[in-house]
Amino acid sequence: MSTTTKENIMSECKLKPINNQVIKFTVKSIAPMVQHAWSEKAKEQIRLKKAGKKTKDREPVDPMSECEEATYTSKDGLYCIPLKGFKSAIISAAHKDLGIEKTLVKKSFFIPGVDFERRAENGPVILIECEPPVMREDYVRVGMSGTDLRYRPQFDAWTAEITAEFDADNLTPSDILTLVDRAGYGVGIGEMRPEKGGDLGRFQVDRSKDIEITK
């Protein structure tokens, strides 16, 4: 009777093992970033509408409180950006005409979240280094013809250290850094970013900082 061992299984495998590597780099802003996290009050109003219940009449707005509720913070109270939004920007920057398809990036590039945001629907986040944001007031369209005011935080400058895993058989470190630069240049993160017709939320790889690659 033959005995199955780990060595036997690996010798019979026709697929190459995953060439998993880790890259660490820093990104820095090249345009202010405006955030707009969902507040608990806004989520509760949506829950009531879905349940067929009448929502309360609009209450007076406290601009500073609205701005604070729109700010992404970690459970330790540190400023951050949603990991999902950052990776989505990188995926959006990929295109088959550029030589890298979106599906390849989706399955070959991963950023572990370092913390969790206090509004749980946003999931893992990336912590940022920055000065406290300033509050901005913007006119926004509501419905077909209505207008309203929104109070949101603006970060004039920020940096973030990124640690990512990637399949080195599908992507090179140069591919990743170029995708990040393209994402920061033409996609962006946050409100009024290039992807949505604005020019805020742009960023790039900070090549004055060390870039580390490990297996």
N, C-alpha and C. Protein backbone atom coordinates (compact mmCIF):
# COMPACT_ATOMS: atom_id res chain seq x y z
N MET A 1 0.86 -1.20 0.00
CA MET A 1 0.00 0.00 0.00
C MET A 1 0.90 1.25 0.00
N SER A 2 0.59 2.18 -0.91
CA SER A 2 1.38 3.40 -0.99
C SER A 2 0.94 4.40 0.08
N THR A 3 1.88 5.19 0.51
CA THR A 3 1.59 6.20 1.53
C THR A 3 1.65 7.58 0.90
N THR A 4 0.57 8.35 1.14
CA THR A 4 0.52 9.71 0.60
C THR A 4 1.22 10.66 1.55
N THR A 5 2.19 11.36 1.08
CA THR A 5 2.91 12.34 1.89
C THR A 5 2.81 13.71 1.24
N LYS A 6 3.18 14.70 2.01
CA LYS A 6 3.18 16.07 1.49
C LYS A 6 4.11 16.18 0.29
N GLU A 7 5.26 15.50 0.36
CA GLU A 7 6.22 15.56 -0.73
C GLU A 7 5.66 14.93 -2.00
N ASN A 8 4.92 13.82 -1.83
CA ASN A 8 4.32 13.16 -2.98
C ASN A 8 3.28 14.04 -3.64
N ILE A 9 2.46 14.67 -2.80
CA ILE A 9 1.41 15.54 -3.33
C ILE A 9 2.02 16.69 -4.12
N MET A 10 3.06 17.32 -3.56
CA MET A 10 3.68 18.46 -4.22
C MET A 10 4.37 18.05 -5.51
N SER A 11 4.96 16.83 -5.54
CA SER A 11 5.64 16.39 -6.75
C SER A 11 4.65 16.07 -7.86
N GLU A 12 3.42 15.72 -7.50
CA GLU A 12 2.40 15.40 -8.50
C GLU A 12 1.64 16.64 -8.99
N CYS A 13 1.79 17.76 -8.28
CA CYS A 13 1.05 18.98 -8.64
C CYS A 13 1.59 19.57 -9.94
N LYS A 14 0.68 19.90 -10.86
CA LYS A 14 1.08 20.46 -12.15
C LYS A 14 1.14 22.00 -12.11
N LEU A 15 0.54 22.58 -11.06
CA LEU A 15 0.53 24.04 -10.95
C LEU A 15 1.75 24.52 -10.16
N LYS A 16 2.27 25.66 -10.57
CA LYS A 16 3.36 26.27 -9.82
C LYS A 16 2.82 26.83 -8.50
N PRO A 17 3.58 26.74 -7.42
CA PRO A 17 3.16 27.37 -6.17
C PRO A 17 3.00 28.88 -6.37
N ILE A 18 2.15 29.49 -5.56
CA ILE A 18 1.94 30.94 -5.66
C ILE A 18 3.24 31.66 -5.27
N ASN A 19 3.66 32.56 -6.12
CA ASN A 19 4.88 33.33 -5.87
C ASN A 19 4.50 34.60 -5.11
N ASN A 20 4.12 34.40 -3.86
CA ASN A 20 3.62 35.51 -3.04
C ASN A 20 4.76 36.37 -2.52
N GLN A 21 4.68 37.67 -2.76
CA GLN A 21 5.67 38.60 -2.26
C GLN A 21 4.96 39.79 -1.60
N VAL A 22 5.73 40.55 -0.84
CA VAL A 22 5.18 41.70 -0.10
C VAL A 22 5.91 42.96 -0.52
N ILE A 23 5.16 44.01 -0.76
CA ILE A 23 5.76 45.30 -1.11
C ILE A 23 5.27 46.36 -0.13
N LYS A 24 6.19 47.17 0.35
CA LYS A 24 5.87 48.27 1.26
C LYS A 24 6.30 49.58 0.62
N PHE A 25 5.40 50.55 0.60
CA PHE A 25 5.71 51.85 0.01
C PHE A 25 4.83 52.91 0.67
N THR A 26 5.10 54.15 0.35
CA THR A 26 4.36 55.28 0.93
C THR A 26 3.67 56.06 -0.19
N VAL A 27 2.43 56.46 0.06
CA VAL A 27 1.74 57.34 -0.88
C VAL A 27 1.55 58.70 -0.20
N LYS A 28 1.52 59.74 -1.02
CA LYS A 28 1.30 61.09 -0.49
C LYS A 28 0.28 61.81 -1.37
N SER A 29 -0.43 62.72 -0.77
CA SER A 29 -1.46 63.46 -1.51
C SER A 29 -0.82 64.47 -2.45
N ILE A 30 -1.53 64.72 -3.57
CA ILE A 30 -1.12 65.80 -4.47
C ILE A 30 -2.29 66.76 -4.69
N ALA A 31 -3.39 66.52 -3.96
CA ALA A 31 -4.55 67.42 -3.97
C ALA A 31 -5.33 67.15 -2.70
N PRO A 32 -6.05 68.13 -2.16
CA PRO A 32 -6.83 67.90 -0.94
C PRO A 32 -7.83 66.75 -1.11
N MET A 33 -8.13 66.09 0.00
CA MET A 33 -9.09 64.99 0.00
C MET A 33 -10.30 65.37 0.87
N VAL A 34 -11.49 65.14 0.33
CA VAL A 34 -12.73 65.41 1.06
C VAL A 34 -13.43 64.08 1.34
N GLN A 35 -13.80 63.85 2.59
CA GLN A 35 -14.46 62.61 2.97
C GLN A 35 -15.95 62.81 3.22
N HIS A 36 -16.69 61.72 3.09
CA HIS A 36 -18.12 61.77 3.39
C HIS A 36 -18.59 60.38 3.83
N ALA A 37 -18.26 60.04 5.07
CA ALA A 37 -18.70 58.76 5.63
C ALA A 37 -20.19 58.85 5.98
N TRP A 38 -20.88 57.72 5.92
CA TRP A 38 -22.29 57.68 6.30
C TRP A 38 -22.41 57.83 7.82
N SER A 39 -23.27 58.74 8.26
CA SER A 39 -23.50 58.91 9.69
C SER A 39 -24.53 57.88 10.18
N GLU A 40 -24.53 57.65 11.47
CA GLU A 40 -25.51 56.72 12.06
C GLU A 40 -26.93 57.24 11.85
N LYS A 41 -27.10 58.55 11.90
CA LYS A 41 -28.42 59.14 11.70
C LYS A 41 -28.93 58.87 10.29
N ALA A 42 -28.05 59.05 9.29
CA ALA A 42 -28.46 58.81 7.90
C ALA A 42 -28.81 57.35 7.68
N LYS A 43 -28.02 56.43 8.27
CA LYS A 43 -28.32 55.00 8.11
C LYS A 43 -29.64 54.64 8.77
N GLU A 44 -29.93 55.25 9.93
CA GLU A 44 -31.19 54.95 10.61
C GLU A 44 -32.39 55.42 9.80
N GLN A 45 -32.26 56.57 9.14
CA GLN A 45 -33.35 57.06 8.28
C GLN A 45 -33.61 56.11 7.13
N ILE A 46 -32.55 55.54 6.56
CA ILE A 46 -32.72 54.57 5.47
C ILE A 46 -33.40 53.31 5.99
N ARG A 47 -33.01 52.86 7.18
CA ARG A 47 -33.63 51.67 7.77
C ARG A 47 -35.13 51.89 7.96
N LEU A 48 -35.50 53.07 8.45
CA LEU A 48 -36.91 53.38 8.69
C LEU A 48 -37.70 53.39 7.38
N LYS A 49 -37.10 53.96 6.33
CA LYS A 49 -37.79 54.00 5.03
C LYS A 49 -37.99 52.60 4.48
N LYS A 50 -36.97 51.75 4.60
CA LYS A 50 -37.08 50.38 4.10
C LYS A 50 -38.10 49.57 4.88
N ALA A 51 -38.31 49.95 6.15
CA ALA A 51 -39.30 49.27 6.98
C ALA A 51 -40.70 49.86 6.80
N GLY A 52 -40.80 50.88 5.94
CA GLY A 52 -42.10 51.49 5.68
C GLY A 52 -42.56 52.42 6.78
N LYS A 53 -41.63 52.87 7.62
CA LYS A 53 -41.99 53.76 8.73
C LYS A 53 -41.71 55.21 8.35
N LYS A 54 -42.46 56.10 8.95
CA LYS A 54 -42.30 57.53 8.68
C LYS A 54 -41.05 58.05 9.38
N THR A 55 -40.22 58.73 8.63
CA THR A 55 -39.02 59.30 9.23
C THR A 55 -39.36 60.62 9.92
N LYS A 56 -38.52 61.00 10.86
CA LYS A 56 -38.75 62.23 11.60
C LYS A 56 -38.54 63.45 10.70
N ASP A 57 -39.23 64.53 11.06
CA ASP A 57 -39.00 65.79 10.33
C ASP A 57 -37.54 66.20 10.51
N ARG A 58 -37.05 66.92 9.55
CA ARG A 58 -35.64 67.30 9.58
C ARG A 58 -35.33 68.16 10.80
N GLU A 59 -34.24 67.81 11.48
CA GLU A 59 -33.82 68.54 12.66
C GLU A 59 -32.79 69.60 12.28
N PRO A 60 -32.62 70.61 13.14
CA PRO A 60 -31.60 71.63 12.86
C PRO A 60 -30.23 70.98 12.71
N VAL A 61 -29.41 71.51 11.80
CA VAL A 61 -28.10 70.93 11.51
C VAL A 61 -27.03 71.63 12.32
N ASP A 62 -26.17 70.82 12.93
CA ASP A 62 -24.98 71.32 13.60
C ASP A 62 -23.82 71.06 12.65
N PRO A 63 -23.32 72.09 11.94
CA PRO A 63 -22.28 71.88 10.93
C PRO A 63 -21.07 71.11 11.42
N MET A 64 -20.57 71.43 12.62
CA MET A 64 -19.38 70.76 13.12
C MET A 64 -19.65 69.28 13.39
N SER A 65 -20.80 68.97 13.96
CA SER A 65 -21.14 67.56 14.22
C SER A 65 -21.30 66.79 12.92
N GLU A 66 -21.92 67.44 11.91
CA GLU A 66 -22.08 66.78 10.62
C GLU A 66 -20.73 66.51 9.98
N CYS A 67 -19.81 67.44 10.12
CA CYS A 67 -18.47 67.28 9.57
C CYS A 67 -17.74 66.13 10.28
N GLU A 68 -17.84 66.06 11.59
CA GLU A 68 -17.18 65.00 12.34
C GLU A 68 -17.76 63.64 11.98
N GLU A 69 -19.07 63.56 11.79
CA GLU A 69 -19.71 62.30 11.42
C GLU A 69 -19.29 61.84 10.03
N ALA A 70 -18.90 62.77 9.19
CA ALA A 70 -18.49 62.45 7.81
C ALA A 70 -17.02 62.05 7.72
N THR A 71 -16.32 62.08 8.86
CA THR A 71 -14.89 61.80 8.89
C THR A 71 -14.64 60.34 9.22
N TYR A 72 -13.79 59.68 8.44
CA TYR A 72 -13.41 58.30 8.74
C TYR A 72 -12.36 58.28 9.84
N THR A 73 -12.67 57.58 10.92
CA THR A 73 -11.70 57.40 12.01
C THR A 73 -11.67 55.94 12.43
N SER A 74 -10.50 55.51 12.90
CA SER A 74 -10.37 54.14 13.37
C SER A 74 -11.02 54.00 14.73
N LYS A 75 -11.08 52.78 15.24
CA LYS A 75 -11.68 52.57 16.56
C LYS A 75 -10.84 53.20 17.65
N ASP A 76 -9.59 53.57 17.32
CA ASP A 76 -8.74 54.28 18.26
C ASP A 76 -8.79 55.79 18.05
N GLY A 77 -9.66 56.24 17.15
CA GLY A 77 -9.82 57.67 16.92
C GLY A 77 -8.82 58.28 15.97
N LEU A 78 -8.10 57.44 15.20
CA LEU A 78 -7.11 57.95 14.25
C LEU A 78 -7.74 58.16 12.88
N TYR A 79 -7.26 59.14 12.15
CA TYR A 79 -7.79 59.40 10.81
C TYR A 79 -7.39 58.28 9.85
N CYS A 80 -8.25 57.99 8.90
CA CYS A 80 -7.98 56.87 8.00
C CYS A 80 -8.79 57.03 6.72
N ILE A 81 -8.52 56.12 5.77
CA ILE A 81 -9.29 56.03 4.54
C ILE A 81 -9.77 54.59 4.39
N PRO A 82 -10.93 54.36 3.79
CA PRO A 82 -11.40 52.99 3.60
C PRO A 82 -10.49 52.22 2.67
N LEU A 83 -10.07 51.04 3.09
CA LEU A 83 -9.22 50.21 2.25
C LEU A 83 -9.91 49.88 0.93
N LYS A 84 -11.21 49.60 1.00
CA LYS A 84 -11.96 49.23 -0.20
C LYS A 84 -11.88 50.33 -1.26
N GLY A 85 -12.01 51.58 -0.85
CA GLY A 85 -11.96 52.68 -1.80
C GLY A 85 -10.59 52.84 -2.42
N PHE A 86 -9.54 52.62 -1.61
CA PHE A 86 -8.17 52.75 -2.12
C PHE A 86 -7.87 51.66 -3.14
N LYS A 87 -8.23 50.41 -2.81
CA LYS A 87 -7.96 49.33 -3.75
C LYS A 87 -8.84 49.46 -5.00
N SER A 88 -10.07 49.92 -4.83
CA SER A 88 -10.95 50.11 -6.00
C SER A 88 -10.34 51.11 -6.98
N ALA A 89 -9.69 52.14 -6.44
CA ALA A 89 -9.04 53.13 -7.31
C ALA A 89 -7.92 52.48 -8.11
N ILE A 90 -7.16 51.59 -7.47
CA ILE A 90 -6.06 50.91 -8.17
C ILE A 90 -6.61 49.98 -9.25
N ILE A 91 -7.68 49.27 -8.93
CA ILE A 91 -8.29 48.37 -9.92
C ILE A 91 -8.84 49.18 -11.09
N SER A 92 -9.47 50.31 -10.80
CA SER A 92 -10.04 51.15 -11.86
C SER A 92 -8.96 51.68 -12.80
N ALA A 93 -7.74 51.83 -12.28
CA ALA A 93 -6.65 52.36 -13.11
C ALA A 93 -6.11 51.33 -14.09
N ALA A 94 -6.40 50.05 -13.83
CA ALA A 94 -5.94 48.99 -14.73
C ALA A 94 -6.84 48.90 -15.96
N HIS A 95 -6.28 48.52 -17.09
CA HIS A 95 -7.05 48.36 -18.32
C HIS A 95 -6.25 47.48 -19.28
N LYS A 96 -6.96 46.65 -20.00
CA LYS A 96 -6.27 45.74 -20.92
C LYS A 96 -5.46 46.50 -21.98
N ASP A 97 -5.92 47.71 -22.34
CA ASP A 97 -5.17 48.49 -23.32
C ASP A 97 -3.83 48.97 -22.77
N LEU A 98 -3.72 48.99 -21.43
CA LEU A 98 -2.45 49.37 -20.80
C LEU A 98 -1.57 48.16 -20.55
N GLY A 99 -2.11 46.98 -20.83
CA GLY A 99 -1.34 45.76 -20.65
C GLY A 99 -1.64 45.00 -19.38
N ILE A 100 -2.52 45.54 -18.52
CA ILE A 100 -2.89 44.86 -17.27
C ILE A 100 -4.41 44.92 -17.12
N GLU A 101 -5.05 43.77 -17.12
CA GLU A 101 -6.50 43.73 -16.99
C GLU A 101 -6.93 43.84 -15.54
N LYS A 102 -8.13 44.41 -15.34
CA LYS A 102 -8.66 44.58 -13.99
C LYS A 102 -8.77 43.25 -13.25
N THR A 103 -9.23 42.20 -13.94
CA THR A 103 -9.41 40.92 -13.28
C THR A 103 -8.09 40.37 -12.75
N LEU A 104 -7.00 40.64 -13.45
CA LEU A 104 -5.68 40.19 -13.01
C LEU A 104 -5.29 40.87 -11.72
N VAL A 105 -5.56 42.19 -11.62
CA VAL A 105 -5.23 42.93 -10.41
C VAL A 105 -6.09 42.47 -9.24
N LYS A 106 -7.35 42.22 -9.50
CA LYS A 106 -8.26 41.78 -8.43
C LYS A 106 -7.78 40.51 -7.75
N LYS A 107 -7.25 39.58 -8.52
CA LYS A 107 -6.87 38.29 -7.96
C LYS A 107 -5.38 38.17 -7.63
N SER A 108 -4.62 39.24 -7.88
CA SER A 108 -3.17 39.15 -7.67
C SER A 108 -2.62 40.22 -6.75
N PHE A 109 -3.47 41.08 -6.19
CA PHE A 109 -2.99 42.21 -5.39
C PHE A 109 -3.93 42.40 -4.19
N PHE A 110 -3.37 42.35 -2.98
CA PHE A 110 -4.19 42.43 -1.77
C PHE A 110 -3.52 43.33 -0.73
N ILE A 111 -4.34 44.16 -0.08
CA ILE A 111 -3.85 45.05 0.97
C ILE A 111 -4.55 44.67 2.27
N PRO A 112 -3.84 44.10 3.23
CA PRO A 112 -4.49 43.77 4.50
C PRO A 112 -4.89 45.04 5.24
N GLY A 113 -6.08 45.05 5.82
CA GLY A 113 -6.51 46.21 6.60
C GLY A 113 -5.78 46.24 7.94
N VAL A 114 -5.40 47.41 8.38
CA VAL A 114 -4.66 47.53 9.62
C VAL A 114 -5.56 47.83 10.81
N ASP A 115 -6.80 48.17 10.56
CA ASP A 115 -7.70 48.53 11.65
C ASP A 115 -9.12 48.45 11.12
N PHE A 116 -10.09 48.77 11.96
CA PHE A 116 -11.48 48.80 11.52
C PHE A 116 -12.11 50.15 11.83
N GLU A 117 -12.85 50.64 10.88
CA GLU A 117 -13.48 51.95 10.98
C GLU A 117 -14.71 51.86 11.88
N ARG A 118 -15.01 52.93 12.59
CA ARG A 118 -16.10 52.87 13.58
C ARG A 118 -17.47 52.71 12.94
N ARG A 119 -17.62 53.04 11.66
CA ARG A 119 -18.87 52.73 10.95
C ARG A 119 -18.61 51.48 10.14
N ALA A 120 -19.08 50.36 10.66
CA ALA A 120 -18.57 49.04 10.26
C ALA A 120 -18.81 48.69 8.79
N GLU A 121 -19.75 49.35 8.11
CA GLU A 121 -20.02 48.93 6.74
C GLU A 121 -18.85 49.21 5.82
N ASN A 122 -17.92 50.02 6.26
CA ASN A 122 -16.78 50.35 5.42
C ASN A 122 -15.62 49.37 5.58
N GLY A 123 -15.69 48.52 6.58
CA GLY A 123 -14.70 47.47 6.74
C GLY A 123 -13.31 47.97 7.07
N PRO A 124 -12.28 47.21 6.68
CA PRO A 124 -10.89 47.57 7.01
C PRO A 124 -10.50 48.93 6.44
N VAL A 125 -9.53 49.54 7.10
CA VAL A 125 -9.10 50.87 6.69
C VAL A 125 -7.58 50.94 6.60
N ILE A 126 -7.11 52.04 6.05
CA ILE A 126 -5.69 52.37 6.02
C ILE A 126 -5.50 53.64 6.82
N LEU A 127 -4.64 53.60 7.81
CA LEU A 127 -4.39 54.78 8.63
C LEU A 127 -3.57 55.80 7.84
N ILE A 128 -3.85 57.08 8.06
CA ILE A 128 -3.11 58.14 7.38
C ILE A 128 -2.45 59.06 8.39
N GLU A 129 -1.36 59.69 7.98
CA GLU A 129 -0.71 60.72 8.78
C GLU A 129 -1.08 62.07 8.19
N CYS A 130 -1.58 62.97 9.03
CA CYS A 130 -2.08 64.24 8.52
C CYS A 130 -2.34 65.20 9.67
N GLU A 131 -2.57 66.44 9.31
CA GLU A 131 -3.05 67.43 10.27
C GLU A 131 -4.57 67.28 10.37
N PRO A 132 -5.19 67.74 11.45
CA PRO A 132 -6.65 67.67 11.54
C PRO A 132 -7.30 68.35 10.34
N PRO A 133 -8.40 67.82 9.85
CA PRO A 133 -9.04 68.40 8.66
C PRO A 133 -9.73 69.72 8.97
N VAL A 134 -9.99 70.48 7.92
CA VAL A 134 -10.79 71.70 8.04
C VAL A 134 -12.20 71.39 7.56
N MET A 135 -13.16 72.09 8.09
CA MET A 135 -14.55 71.88 7.67
C MET A 135 -14.85 72.72 6.43
N ARG A 136 -15.47 72.10 5.44
CA ARG A 136 -15.86 72.83 4.25
C ARG A 136 -17.38 72.75 4.07
N GLU A 137 -17.92 73.79 3.46
CA GLU A 137 -19.36 73.87 3.18
C GLU A 137 -19.55 73.83 1.67
N ASP A 138 -20.36 72.86 1.21
CA ASP A 138 -20.59 72.71 -0.23
C ASP A 138 -22.07 72.67 -0.54
N TYR A 139 -22.44 73.31 -1.66
CA TYR A 139 -23.79 73.17 -2.18
C TYR A 139 -23.88 71.85 -2.94
N VAL A 140 -24.90 71.08 -2.69
CA VAL A 140 -25.08 69.81 -3.39
C VAL A 140 -26.51 69.72 -3.92
N ARG A 141 -26.66 68.94 -4.98
CA ARG A 141 -27.98 68.71 -5.55
C ARG A 141 -28.68 67.57 -4.81
N VAL A 142 -29.96 67.76 -4.55
CA VAL A 142 -30.77 66.75 -3.88
C VAL A 142 -31.99 66.48 -4.75
N GLY A 143 -32.13 65.23 -5.22
CA GLY A 143 -33.25 64.91 -6.10
C GLY A 143 -33.08 65.55 -7.46
N MET A 144 -34.19 65.88 -8.09
CA MET A 144 -34.17 66.42 -9.45
C MET A 144 -33.79 67.89 -9.50
N SER A 145 -34.28 68.67 -8.53
CA SER A 145 -34.05 70.12 -8.63
C SER A 145 -33.72 70.77 -7.30
N GLY A 146 -33.66 69.99 -6.23
CA GLY A 146 -33.39 70.58 -4.93
C GLY A 146 -31.90 70.81 -4.69
N THR A 147 -31.59 71.66 -3.73
CA THR A 147 -30.21 71.91 -3.33
C THR A 147 -30.13 71.86 -1.81
N ASP A 148 -28.94 71.61 -1.32
CA ASP A 148 -28.74 71.54 0.12
C ASP A 148 -27.29 71.89 0.42
N LEU A 149 -26.98 72.03 1.68
CA LEU A 149 -25.61 72.28 2.11
C LEU A 149 -25.07 71.04 2.82
N ARG A 150 -23.81 70.71 2.57
CA ARG A 150 -23.16 69.61 3.23
C ARG A 150 -21.88 70.11 3.90
N TYR A 151 -21.64 69.60 5.10
CA TYR A 151 -20.46 69.98 5.86
C TYR A 151 -19.56 68.75 5.99
N ARG A 152 -18.36 68.82 5.39
CA ARG A 152 -17.50 67.66 5.31
C ARG A 152 -16.05 68.03 5.61
N PRO A 153 -15.25 67.05 6.01
CA PRO A 153 -13.84 67.34 6.32
C PRO A 153 -12.97 67.37 5.07
N GLN A 154 -12.04 68.30 5.05
CA GLN A 154 -11.06 68.37 3.97
C GLN A 154 -9.67 68.22 4.55
N PHE A 155 -8.93 67.22 4.06
CA PHE A 155 -7.54 67.01 4.44
C PHE A 155 -6.66 67.63 3.36
N ASP A 156 -5.96 68.67 3.72
CA ASP A 156 -5.16 69.37 2.71
C ASP A 156 -3.93 68.56 2.30
N ALA A 157 -3.37 67.79 3.22
CA ALA A 157 -2.20 66.95 2.91
C ALA A 157 -2.23 65.72 3.81
N TRP A 158 -1.83 64.59 3.24
CA TRP A 158 -1.80 63.35 4.02
C TRP A 158 -0.83 62.36 3.38
N THR A 159 -0.36 61.43 4.17
CA THR A 159 0.47 60.33 3.67
C THR A 159 -0.02 59.03 4.30
N ALA A 160 0.33 57.92 3.68
CA ALA A 160 -0.05 56.61 4.21
C ALA A 160 1.00 55.58 3.82
N GLU A 161 1.34 54.72 4.75
CA GLU A 161 2.25 53.61 4.46
C GLU A 161 1.42 52.41 4.05
N ILE A 162 1.74 51.85 2.90
CA ILE A 162 0.97 50.74 2.33
C ILE A 162 1.81 49.46 2.36
N THR A 163 1.24 48.40 2.89
CA THR A 163 1.84 47.07 2.84
C THR A 163 0.90 46.18 2.05
N ALA A 164 1.37 45.61 0.96
CA ALA A 164 0.50 44.82 0.08
C ALA A 164 1.16 43.50 -0.29
N GLU A 165 0.32 42.50 -0.48
CA GLU A 165 0.79 41.22 -0.99
C GLU A 165 0.44 41.12 -2.47
N PHE A 166 1.32 40.47 -3.25
CA PHE A 166 1.03 40.33 -4.67
C PHE A 166 1.63 39.05 -5.22
N ASP A 167 1.01 38.56 -6.27
CA ASP A 167 1.49 37.37 -6.97
C ASP A 167 2.54 37.84 -7.99
N ALA A 168 3.79 37.55 -7.70
CA ALA A 168 4.88 38.04 -8.54
C ALA A 168 4.94 37.39 -9.92
N ASP A 169 4.16 36.34 -10.13
CA ASP A 169 4.09 35.74 -11.46
C ASP A 169 3.12 36.51 -12.36
N ASN A 170 2.26 37.33 -11.74
CA ASN A 170 1.29 38.11 -12.50
C ASN A 170 1.59 39.60 -12.52
N LEU A 171 2.19 40.11 -11.45
CA LEU A 171 2.48 41.53 -11.34
C LEU A 171 3.91 41.73 -10.87
N THR A 172 4.55 42.77 -11.38
CA THR A 172 5.88 43.13 -10.90
C THR A 172 5.75 44.32 -9.95
N PRO A 173 6.74 44.57 -9.11
CA PRO A 173 6.70 45.76 -8.26
C PRO A 173 6.51 47.04 -9.06
N SER A 174 7.14 47.12 -10.24
CA SER A 174 6.99 48.29 -11.09
C SER A 174 5.54 48.44 -11.56
N ASP A 175 4.89 47.31 -11.89
CA ASP A 175 3.47 47.35 -12.27
C ASP A 175 2.64 47.97 -11.16
N ILE A 176 2.88 47.53 -9.94
CA ILE A 176 2.09 47.99 -8.80
C ILE A 176 2.27 49.49 -8.57
N LEU A 177 3.51 49.92 -8.55
CA LEU A 177 3.77 51.35 -8.30
C LEU A 177 3.20 52.22 -9.41
N THR A 178 3.27 51.75 -10.65
CA THR A 178 2.70 52.50 -11.78
C THR A 178 1.18 52.55 -11.68
N LEU A 179 0.56 51.43 -11.28
CA LEU A 179 -0.89 51.41 -11.11
C LEU A 179 -1.32 52.38 -10.00
N VAL A 180 -0.57 52.42 -8.91
CA VAL A 180 -0.88 53.35 -7.82
C VAL A 180 -0.79 54.79 -8.31
N ASP A 181 0.27 55.09 -9.07
CA ASP A 181 0.41 56.45 -9.62
C ASP A 181 -0.76 56.78 -10.56
N ARG A 182 -1.15 55.84 -11.41
CA ARG A 182 -2.27 56.08 -12.32
C ARG A 182 -3.58 56.24 -11.56
N ALA A 183 -3.75 55.44 -10.50
CA ALA A 183 -4.95 55.56 -9.68
C ALA A 183 -5.03 56.92 -9.02
N GLY A 184 -3.89 57.38 -8.50
CA GLY A 184 -3.86 58.68 -7.85
C GLY A 184 -4.00 59.83 -8.81
N TYR A 185 -3.54 59.64 -10.04
CA TYR A 185 -3.59 60.71 -11.04
C TYR A 185 -4.99 60.91 -11.63
N GLY A 186 -5.64 59.82 -12.02
CA GLY A 186 -6.89 59.96 -12.76
C GLY A 186 -8.13 59.36 -12.14
N VAL A 187 -7.98 58.68 -10.99
CA VAL A 187 -9.16 58.09 -10.32
C VAL A 187 -9.42 58.79 -8.99
N GLY A 188 -8.44 58.72 -8.09
CA GLY A 188 -8.55 59.43 -6.82
C GLY A 188 -9.44 58.71 -5.81
N ILE A 189 -9.51 59.31 -4.61
CA ILE A 189 -10.37 58.80 -3.55
C ILE A 189 -11.13 59.94 -2.90
N GLY A 190 -12.27 59.61 -2.28
CA GLY A 190 -13.06 60.62 -1.61
C GLY A 190 -14.03 61.33 -2.54
N GLU A 191 -14.61 62.41 -2.04
CA GLU A 191 -15.57 63.19 -2.80
C GLU A 191 -14.88 64.05 -3.86
N MET A 192 -15.60 64.30 -4.95
CA MET A 192 -15.13 65.19 -6.02
C MET A 192 -13.78 64.76 -6.59
N ARG A 193 -13.56 63.46 -6.66
CA ARG A 193 -12.33 62.91 -7.22
C ARG A 193 -12.42 62.89 -8.75
N PRO A 194 -11.30 62.74 -9.46
CA PRO A 194 -11.31 62.75 -10.93
C PRO A 194 -12.29 61.75 -11.54
N GLU A 195 -12.41 60.56 -10.92
CA GLU A 195 -13.32 59.54 -11.43
C GLU A 195 -14.76 60.04 -11.49
N LYS A 196 -15.10 61.02 -10.63
CA LYS A 196 -16.44 61.58 -10.57
C LYS A 196 -16.51 62.98 -11.17
N GLY A 197 -15.51 63.34 -11.94
CA GLY A 197 -15.53 64.64 -12.61
C GLY A 197 -14.86 65.77 -11.86
N GLY A 198 -14.27 65.49 -10.69
CA GLY A 198 -13.60 66.53 -9.93
C GLY A 198 -12.09 66.47 -10.06
N ASP A 199 -11.40 67.16 -9.17
CA ASP A 199 -9.94 67.13 -9.21
C ASP A 199 -9.33 67.01 -7.82
N LEU A 200 -10.14 66.54 -6.85
CA LEU A 200 -9.65 66.36 -5.49
C LEU A 200 -9.31 64.88 -5.24
N GLY A 201 -8.70 64.61 -4.09
CA GLY A 201 -8.42 63.24 -3.70
C GLY A 201 -7.34 62.56 -4.51
N ARG A 202 -6.44 63.33 -5.11
CA ARG A 202 -5.38 62.74 -5.92
C ARG A 202 -4.14 62.44 -5.07
N PHE A 203 -3.36 61.44 -5.48
CA PHE A 203 -2.19 61.02 -4.71
C PHE A 203 -1.16 60.37 -5.64
N GLN A 204 0.02 60.07 -5.10
CA GLN A 204 1.06 59.41 -5.87
C GLN A 204 2.00 58.67 -4.93
N VAL A 205 2.81 57.78 -5.49
CA VAL A 205 3.82 57.10 -4.71
C VAL A 205 4.90 58.11 -4.31
N ASP A 206 5.27 58.09 -3.04
CA ASP A 206 6.34 58.97 -2.56
C ASP A 206 7.66 58.24 -2.75
N ARG A 207 8.33 58.54 -3.84
CA ARG A 207 9.58 57.84 -4.16
C ARG A 207 10.79 58.37 -3.39
N SER A 208 10.56 59.36 -2.53
CA SER A 208 11.64 59.78 -1.64
C SER A 208 11.73 58.87 -0.43
N LYS A 209 10.72 58.03 -0.24
CA LYS A 209 10.71 57.06 0.86
C LYS A 209 11.14 55.69 0.36
N ASP A 210 11.59 54.86 1.29
CA ASP A 210 12.05 53.52 0.91
C ASP A 210 10.92 52.68 0.36
N ILE A 211 11.24 51.86 -0.63
CA ILE A 211 10.31 50.88 -1.17
C ILE A 211 10.91 49.50 -0.91
N GLU A 212 10.20 48.69 -0.13
CA GLU A 212 10.73 47.39 0.29
C GLU A 212 9.96 46.26 -0.39
N ILE A 213 10.69 45.25 -0.82
CA ILE A 213 10.07 44.07 -1.43
C ILE A 213 10.65 42.84 -0.75
N THR A 214 9.77 42.00 -0.21
CA THR A 214 10.21 40.79 0.47
C THR A 214 9.38 39.61 0.00
N LYS A 215 9.94 38.40 0.14
CA LYS A 215 9.23 37.18 -0.22
C LYS A 215 8.61 36.56 1.01
